[in-house]
Amino acid sequence: MQKIRKGDEVIVLTGRDKKRRGTVLGRVGTDHVLVEGINVVKKHVKGNPMAGTPGGIIDKTMPIHISNVALYNPATGKGDRVGIQVVDGKKVRIFRSNGAVVGAKA
């Protein structure tokens, strides 16, 4: 079971975007995630008149390693580790600090 999934709100632990929050747009492979507004770089793109795409400099979101992000816990206001627990015969993700179910409405 994946501890960080698409749609989760995460907080960056290291790097130039440290302490910034964003939503996971998707997973890239097994150990990288795309986070909205995090790790944005300038990319020089060559135009293609046959496809109708213009050239220039664009902002592109690059993947960040999963070890550099933590799931944001709204109860504590900090990043938190995630555990797996069986509740009513189903596996659910829980926050390690307070044992609350991830994504459950308070």
C-alpha atoms as a PDB file:
ATOM      1  CA  MET A   1       0.000   0.000   0.000  1.00  0.00           C
ATOM      2  CA  GLN A   2       1.332   3.404  -0.967  1.00  0.00           C
ATOM      3  CA  LYS A   3       1.792   5.763   1.964  1.00  0.00           C
ATOM      4  CA  ILE A   4       1.661   8.887  -0.236  1.00  0.00           C
ATOM      5  CA  ARG A   5      -0.927   8.963  -3.015  1.00  0.00           C
ATOM      6  CA  LYS A   6      -2.279  11.281  -5.687  1.00  0.00           C
ATOM      7  CA  GLY A   7      -4.372  14.050  -4.130  1.00  0.00           C
ATOM      8  CA  ASP A   8      -2.632  14.024  -0.732  1.00  0.00           C
ATOM      9  CA  GLU A   9      -1.409  17.289   0.771  1.00  0.00           C
ATOM     10  CA  VAL A  10       2.300  17.082   1.554  1.00  0.00           C
ATOM     11  CA  ILE A  11       4.934  19.344   3.062  1.00  0.00           C
ATOM     12  CA  VAL A  12       8.507  19.502   1.739  1.00  0.00           C
ATOM     13  CA  LEU A  13      11.187  18.565   4.280  1.00  0.00           C
ATOM     14  CA  THR A  14      14.414  19.485   2.454  1.00  0.00           C
ATOM     15  CA  GLY A  15      15.719  21.528  -0.447  1.00  0.00           C
ATOM     16  CA  ARG A  16      14.981  24.995  -1.743  1.00  0.00           C
ATOM     17  CA  ASP A  17      11.202  24.503  -1.296  1.00  0.00           C
ATOM     18  CA  LYS A  18      11.529  23.481   2.358  1.00  0.00           C
ATOM     19  CA  LYS A  19       8.393  24.038   4.507  1.00  0.00           C
ATOM     20  CA  ARG A  20       6.173  24.643   1.458  1.00  0.00           C
ATOM     21  CA  ARG A  21       2.951  22.684   1.022  1.00  0.00           C
ATOM     22  CA  GLY A  22       1.342  21.323  -2.109  1.00  0.00           C
ATOM     23  CA  THR A  23      -0.933  18.647  -3.509  1.00  0.00           C
ATOM     24  CA  VAL A  24       0.472  15.481  -5.077  1.00  0.00           C
ATOM     25  CA  LEU A  25      -0.345  15.472  -8.795  1.00  0.00           C
ATOM     26  CA  GLY A  26       0.898  11.927  -9.334  1.00  0.00           C
ATOM     27  CA  ARG A  27       3.586   9.341  -8.776  1.00  0.00           C
ATOM     28  CA  VAL A  28       6.604   9.041 -11.066  1.00  0.00           C
ATOM     29  CA  GLY A  29       7.957   5.529 -10.747  1.00  0.00           C
ATOM     30  CA  THR A  30       8.129   4.010  -7.289  1.00  0.00           C
ATOM     31  CA  ASP A  31      10.076   6.671  -5.425  1.00  0.00           C
ATOM     32  CA  HIS A  32       9.258  10.101  -6.910  1.00  0.00           C
ATOM     33  CA  VAL A  33       6.166  12.320  -6.787  1.00  0.00           C
ATOM     34  CA  LEU A  34       5.003  15.421  -8.656  1.00  0.00           C
ATOM     35  CA  VAL A  35       3.852  18.105  -6.235  1.00  0.00           C
ATOM     36  CA  GLU A  36       1.867  21.113  -7.453  1.00  0.00           C
ATOM     37  CA  GLY A  37       3.980  24.291  -7.325  1.00  0.00           C
ATOM     38  CA  ILE A  38       7.044  22.533  -5.859  1.00  0.00           C
ATOM     39  CA  ASN A  39      10.392  21.998  -7.627  1.00  0.00           C
ATOM     40  CA  VAL A  40       9.415  24.225 -10.571  1.00  0.00           C
ATOM     41  CA  VAL A  41      12.210  24.789 -13.102  1.00  0.00           C
ATOM     42  CA  LYS A  42      12.612  26.854 -16.269  1.00  0.00           C
ATOM     43  CA  LYS A  43      12.817  24.674 -19.365  1.00  0.00           C
ATOM     44  CA  HIS A  44      13.874  25.883 -22.811  1.00  0.00           C
ATOM     45  CA  VAL A  45      11.582  24.350 -25.417  1.00  0.00           C
ATOM     46  CA  LYS A  46      12.145  24.314 -29.142  1.00  0.00           C
ATOM     47  CA  GLY A  47       9.062  25.170 -31.174  1.00  0.00           C
ATOM     48  CA  ASN A  48       7.491  22.770 -33.661  1.00  0.00           C
ATOM     49  CA  PRO A  49       5.533  24.505 -36.433  1.00  0.00           C
ATOM     50  CA  MET A  50       4.154  21.193 -37.725  1.00  0.00           C
ATOM     51  CA  ALA A  51       2.510  20.447 -34.372  1.00  0.00           C
ATOM     52  CA  GLY A  52       1.666  24.106 -33.721  1.00  0.00           C
ATOM     53  CA  THR A  53       3.633  24.332 -30.479  1.00  0.00           C
ATOM     54  CA  PRO A  54       5.500  27.572 -29.804  1.00  0.00           C
ATOM     55  CA  GLY A  55       9.050  27.674 -28.520  1.00  0.00           C
ATOM     56  CA  GLY A  56      10.356  29.591 -25.543  1.00  0.00           C
ATOM     57  CA  ILE A  57      10.967  29.231 -21.834  1.00  0.00           C
ATOM     58  CA  ILE A  58       8.286  27.417 -19.855  1.00  0.00           C
ATOM     59  CA  ASP A  59       7.859  26.572 -16.167  1.00  0.00           C
ATOM     60  CA  LYS A  60       7.825  22.835 -15.571  1.00  0.00           C
ATOM     61  CA  THR A  61       7.153  20.894 -12.365  1.00  0.00           C
ATOM     62  CA  MET A  62       9.837  18.273 -11.836  1.00  0.00           C
ATOM     63  CA  PRO A  63       9.568  15.163  -9.640  1.00  0.00           C
ATOM     64  CA  ILE A  64      10.806  15.210  -6.058  1.00  0.00           C
ATOM     65  CA  HIS A  65      11.972  12.155  -4.127  1.00  0.00           C
ATOM     66  CA  ILE A  66       9.361  10.702  -1.810  1.00  0.00           C
ATOM     67  CA  SER A  67      11.780  10.767   1.147  1.00  0.00           C
ATOM     68  CA  ASN A  68      11.888  14.581   0.913  1.00  0.00           C
ATOM     69  CA  VAL A  69       8.154  15.030   1.519  1.00  0.00           C
ATOM     70  CA  ALA A  70       5.863  14.152   4.434  1.00  0.00           C
ATOM     71  CA  LEU A  71       2.090  13.920   4.588  1.00  0.00           C
ATOM     72  CA  TYR A  72       0.602  17.094   6.099  1.00  0.00           C
ATOM     73  CA  ASN A  73      -1.384  16.494   9.284  1.00  0.00           C
ATOM     74  CA  PRO A  74      -4.033  19.238   9.663  1.00  0.00           C
ATOM     75  CA  ALA A  75      -4.569  18.412  13.354  1.00  0.00           C
ATOM     76  CA  THR A  76      -0.961  19.200  14.292  1.00  0.00           C
ATOM     77  CA  GLY A  77      -0.128  21.572  11.426  1.00  0.00           C
ATOM     78  CA  LYS A  78       3.076  19.670  10.657  1.00  0.00           C
ATOM     79  CA  GLY A  79       4.359  16.917   8.410  1.00  0.00           C
ATOM     80  CA  ASP A  80       3.794  13.438   9.781  1.00  0.00           C
ATOM     81  CA  ARG A  81       4.823   9.864   9.181  1.00  0.00           C
ATOM     82  CA  VAL A  82       2.208   7.410   7.958  1.00  0.00           C
ATOM     83  CA  GLY A  83       1.428   3.895   9.151  1.00  0.00           C
ATOM     84  CA  ILE A  84      -0.900   1.159   7.926  1.00  0.00           C
ATOM     85  CA  GLN A  85      -3.541  -0.328  10.210  1.00  0.00           C
ATOM     86  CA  VAL A  86      -6.426  -2.740   9.672  1.00  0.00           C
ATOM     87  CA  VAL A  87      -9.777  -1.170  10.616  1.00  0.00           C
ATOM     88  CA  ASP A  88     -13.019  -3.118  10.042  1.00  0.00           C
ATOM     89  CA  GLY A  89     -11.206  -5.583   7.783  1.00  0.00           C
ATOM     90  CA  LYS A  90      -9.727  -2.863   5.531  1.00  0.00           C
ATOM     91  CA  LYS A  91      -6.233  -1.423   5.447  1.00  0.00           C
ATOM     92  CA  VAL A  92      -6.218   2.306   6.177  1.00  0.00           C
ATOM     93  CA  ARG A  93      -3.458   4.876   6.508  1.00  0.00           C
ATOM     94  CA  ILE A  94      -3.029   6.517   9.899  1.00  0.00           C
ATOM     95  CA  PHE A  95      -0.901   9.379  11.180  1.00  0.00           C
ATOM     96  CA  ARG A  96       1.829   8.124  13.531  1.00  0.00           C
ATOM     97  CA  SER A  97       1.649  11.103  15.896  1.00  0.00           C
ATOM     98  CA  ASN A  98      -2.019  10.951  16.874  1.00  0.00           C
ATOM     99  CA  GLY A  99      -3.367   7.737  15.276  1.00  0.00           C
ATOM    100  CA  ALA A 100      -6.011   9.573  13.234  1.00  0.00           C
ATOM    101  CA  VAL A 101      -7.060   8.078   9.899  1.00  0.00           C
ATOM    102  CA  VAL A 102      -5.651   9.926   6.873  1.00  0.00           C
ATOM    103  CA  GLY A 103      -8.395  11.743   4.954  1.00  0.00           C
ATOM    104  CA  ALA A 104     -11.047  11.248   7.644  1.00  0.00           C
ATOM    105  CA  LYS A 105     -13.227  14.238   8.413  1.00  0.00           C
ATOM    106  CA  ALA A 106     -12.729  15.471  11.965  1.00  0.00           C
END
